[in-house]
Amino acid sequence: MPDKKTIDDLREDCECVSAKYCPLEELVRHAPARLYEQHKVVEMFKWEASNYLKRRVDWKEAYFLWCDLGFAKKFSKVYHDGMLHKEIWQQIEYNLRPLVDYEFKRKQDE
């Protein structure tokens, strides 16, 4: 079970942060912290990729890119129990340049 620091980190932007009951917290308490911390890092990546490509990147595409461009592998090398998503994001040497090649290929396939 994740510790309080991890749960607070994951709930940072949660709409029910001031509520007595939080469905997200219930889920987090019964699953590995690694799963949720990686999801939060993918959320940051999704936002960065959307800005970089100047278009909306949805969750499906974000997870595809996360894996296809090697970010999932980098996450697995950097992550250890107790890390928070912002720490992980800072340690992953992210280079969004491969997104240009991806976008070019995507447009050709349309």
C-alpha atoms as a PDB file:
ATOM      1  CA  MET A   1       0.000   0.000   0.000  1.00  0.00           C
ATOM      2  CA  PRO A   2       1.326   3.472  -0.861  1.00  0.00           C
ATOM      3  CA  ASP A   3       2.339   5.755   1.990  1.00  0.00           C
ATOM      4  CA  LYS A   4       0.540   9.023   2.858  1.00  0.00           C
ATOM      5  CA  LYS A   5       3.128  11.127   0.961  1.00  0.00           C
ATOM      6  CA  THR A   6       2.428   9.190  -2.243  1.00  0.00           C
ATOM      7  CA  ILE A   7      -1.347   9.382  -1.802  1.00  0.00           C
ATOM      8  CA  ASP A   8      -1.168  13.139  -1.181  1.00  0.00           C
ATOM      9  CA  ASP A   9       1.003  13.511  -4.284  1.00  0.00           C
ATOM     10  CA  LEU A  10      -1.480  11.652  -6.443  1.00  0.00           C
ATOM     11  CA  ARG A  11      -4.420  13.616  -5.048  1.00  0.00           C
ATOM     12  CA  GLU A  12      -2.674  16.954  -5.607  1.00  0.00           C
ATOM     13  CA  ASP A  13      -4.914  17.971  -8.530  1.00  0.00           C
ATOM     14  CA  CYS A  14      -7.884  15.821  -7.549  1.00  0.00           C
ATOM     15  CA  GLU A  15     -11.232  17.616  -7.396  1.00  0.00           C
ATOM     16  CA  CYS A  16     -12.178  15.835  -4.178  1.00  0.00           C
ATOM     17  CA  VAL A  17      -9.002  16.813  -2.330  1.00  0.00           C
ATOM     18  CA  SER A  18     -11.010  18.515   0.429  1.00  0.00           C
ATOM     19  CA  ALA A  19     -13.731  15.851   0.582  1.00  0.00           C
ATOM     20  CA  LYS A  20     -13.933  13.226   3.310  1.00  0.00           C
ATOM     21  CA  TYR A  21     -14.193  10.437   0.729  1.00  0.00           C
ATOM     22  CA  CYS A  22     -12.132  10.191  -2.449  1.00  0.00           C
ATOM     23  CA  PRO A  23     -12.659   7.344  -4.940  1.00  0.00           C
ATOM     24  CA  LEU A  24      -9.140   7.869  -6.317  1.00  0.00           C
ATOM     25  CA  GLU A  25      -7.656   7.425  -2.860  1.00  0.00           C
ATOM     26  CA  GLU A  26      -9.608   4.190  -2.394  1.00  0.00           C
ATOM     27  CA  LEU A  27      -8.198   2.832  -5.664  1.00  0.00           C
ATOM     28  CA  VAL A  28      -4.666   3.932  -4.820  1.00  0.00           C
ATOM     29  CA  ARG A  29      -4.758   2.278  -1.415  1.00  0.00           C
ATOM     30  CA  HIS A  30      -5.343  -1.121  -3.052  1.00  0.00           C
ATOM     31  CA  ALA A  31      -2.872  -1.009  -5.940  1.00  0.00           C
ATOM     32  CA  PRO A  32       0.872  -0.515  -6.314  1.00  0.00           C
ATOM     33  CA  ALA A  33       1.976   3.135  -6.075  1.00  0.00           C
ATOM     34  CA  ARG A  34       4.140   2.580  -9.160  1.00  0.00           C
ATOM     35  CA  LEU A  35       1.031   2.197 -11.329  1.00  0.00           C
ATOM     36  CA  TYR A  36      -0.441   5.523 -10.258  1.00  0.00           C
ATOM     37  CA  GLU A  37       2.829   7.436 -10.227  1.00  0.00           C
ATOM     38  CA  GLN A  38       3.485   6.318 -13.804  1.00  0.00           C
ATOM     39  CA  HIS A  39      -0.028   7.400 -14.786  1.00  0.00           C
ATOM     40  CA  LYS A  40       0.650  10.877 -13.343  1.00  0.00           C
ATOM     41  CA  VAL A  41       3.937  11.078 -15.275  1.00  0.00           C
ATOM     42  CA  VAL A  42       2.135  10.022 -18.479  1.00  0.00           C
ATOM     43  CA  GLU A  43      -0.373  12.793 -17.766  1.00  0.00           C
ATOM     44  CA  MET A  44       2.517  15.287 -17.666  1.00  0.00           C
ATOM     45  CA  PHE A  45       3.931  13.772 -20.873  1.00  0.00           C
ATOM     46  CA  LYS A  46       0.492  14.021 -22.529  1.00  0.00           C
ATOM     47  CA  TRP A  47       0.345  17.723 -21.727  1.00  0.00           C
ATOM     48  CA  GLU A  48       3.920  18.324 -22.961  1.00  0.00           C
ATOM     49  CA  ALA A  49       3.303  16.345 -26.159  1.00  0.00           C
ATOM     50  CA  SER A  50       0.090  18.293 -26.836  1.00  0.00           C
ATOM     51  CA  ASN A  51       1.957  21.579 -26.450  1.00  0.00           C
ATOM     52  CA  TYR A  52       4.889  20.388 -28.531  1.00  0.00           C
ATOM     53  CA  LEU A  53       2.698  19.120 -31.377  1.00  0.00           C
ATOM     54  CA  LYS A  54       0.272  22.058 -31.082  1.00  0.00           C
ATOM     55  CA  ARG A  55      -2.719  19.719 -31.011  1.00  0.00           C
ATOM     56  CA  ARG A  56      -4.590  17.643 -28.475  1.00  0.00           C
ATOM     57  CA  VAL A  57      -2.980  14.295 -27.673  1.00  0.00           C
ATOM     58  CA  ASP A  58      -5.579  11.952 -26.147  1.00  0.00           C
ATOM     59  CA  TRP A  59      -4.882   9.304 -23.505  1.00  0.00           C
ATOM     60  CA  LYS A  60      -4.711   6.411 -25.964  1.00  0.00           C
ATOM     61  CA  GLU A  61      -2.150   8.182 -28.120  1.00  0.00           C
ATOM     62  CA  ALA A  62      -0.211   9.409 -25.075  1.00  0.00           C
ATOM     63  CA  TYR A  63       0.208   5.860 -23.753  1.00  0.00           C
ATOM     64  CA  PHE A  64       1.136   4.612 -27.224  1.00  0.00           C
ATOM     65  CA  LEU A  65       3.815   7.310 -27.553  1.00  0.00           C
ATOM     66  CA  TRP A  66       4.953   6.768 -23.963  1.00  0.00           C
ATOM     67  CA  CYS A  67       5.772   3.154 -24.793  1.00  0.00           C
ATOM     68  CA  ASP A  68       6.784   3.521 -28.448  1.00  0.00           C
ATOM     69  CA  LEU A  69       9.277   6.341 -27.824  1.00  0.00           C
ATOM     70  CA  GLY A  70      10.930   4.541 -24.901  1.00  0.00           C
ATOM     71  CA  PHE A  71       9.632   6.634 -22.003  1.00  0.00           C
ATOM     72  CA  ALA A  72       8.144   3.591 -20.250  1.00  0.00           C
ATOM     73  CA  LYS A  73      11.574   1.960 -20.280  1.00  0.00           C
ATOM     74  CA  LYS A  74      13.164   5.127 -18.878  1.00  0.00           C
ATOM     75  CA  PHE A  75      10.490   5.217 -16.168  1.00  0.00           C
ATOM     76  CA  SER A  76      11.311   1.652 -15.129  1.00  0.00           C
ATOM     77  CA  LYS A  77      15.009   2.537 -14.805  1.00  0.00           C
ATOM     78  CA  VAL A  78      14.394   5.687 -12.749  1.00  0.00           C
ATOM     79  CA  TYR A  79      11.466   4.694 -10.521  1.00  0.00           C
ATOM     80  CA  HIS A  80      11.865   3.412  -6.991  1.00  0.00           C
ATOM     81  CA  ASP A  81       9.308   3.182  -4.176  1.00  0.00           C
ATOM     82  CA  GLY A  82       8.576   6.498  -2.540  1.00  0.00           C
ATOM     83  CA  MET A  83       9.291   8.663  -5.593  1.00  0.00           C
ATOM     84  CA  LEU A  84       6.733  11.287  -6.523  1.00  0.00           C
ATOM     85  CA  HIS A  85       5.643  11.946 -10.087  1.00  0.00           C
ATOM     86  CA  LYS A  86       7.346  15.346 -10.380  1.00  0.00           C
ATOM     87  CA  GLU A  87      10.651  13.853  -9.202  1.00  0.00           C
ATOM     88  CA  ILE A  88      10.312  11.064 -11.762  1.00  0.00           C
ATOM     89  CA  TRP A  89       9.505  13.514 -14.565  1.00  0.00           C
ATOM     90  CA  GLN A  90      12.603  15.555 -13.734  1.00  0.00           C
ATOM     91  CA  GLN A  91      14.824  12.482 -13.785  1.00  0.00           C
ATOM     92  CA  ILE A  92      13.548  11.122 -17.076  1.00  0.00           C
ATOM     93  CA  GLU A  93      15.634  12.755 -19.745  1.00  0.00           C
ATOM     94  CA  TYR A  94      12.779  13.531 -22.026  1.00  0.00           C
ATOM     95  CA  ASN A  95      13.457  14.590 -25.577  1.00  0.00           C
ATOM     96  CA  LEU A  96      10.287  15.340 -27.474  1.00  0.00           C
ATOM     97  CA  ARG A  97      12.084  15.628 -30.824  1.00  0.00           C
ATOM     98  CA  PRO A  98      10.999  12.104 -31.912  1.00  0.00           C
ATOM     99  CA  LEU A  99       7.435  13.436 -31.842  1.00  0.00           C
ATOM    100  CA  VAL A 100       8.207  15.412 -35.011  1.00  0.00           C
ATOM    101  CA  ASP A 101       9.010  12.207 -36.896  1.00  0.00           C
ATOM    102  CA  TYR A 102       5.941  10.538 -35.410  1.00  0.00           C
ATOM    103  CA  GLU A 103       3.701  13.449 -36.463  1.00  0.00           C
ATOM    104  CA  PHE A 104       5.140  13.467 -39.996  1.00  0.00           C
ATOM    105  CA  LYS A 105       4.488   9.734 -40.377  1.00  0.00           C
ATOM    106  CA  ARG A 106       0.981  10.080 -38.883  1.00  0.00           C
ATOM    107  CA  LYS A 107       0.078  12.752 -41.426  1.00  0.00           C
ATOM    108  CA  GLN A 108       1.416  10.625 -44.291  1.00  0.00           C
ATOM    109  CA  ASP A 109      -0.728   7.693 -43.168  1.00  0.00           C
ATOM    110  CA  GLU A 110      -3.930   9.765 -43.183  1.00  0.00           C
END
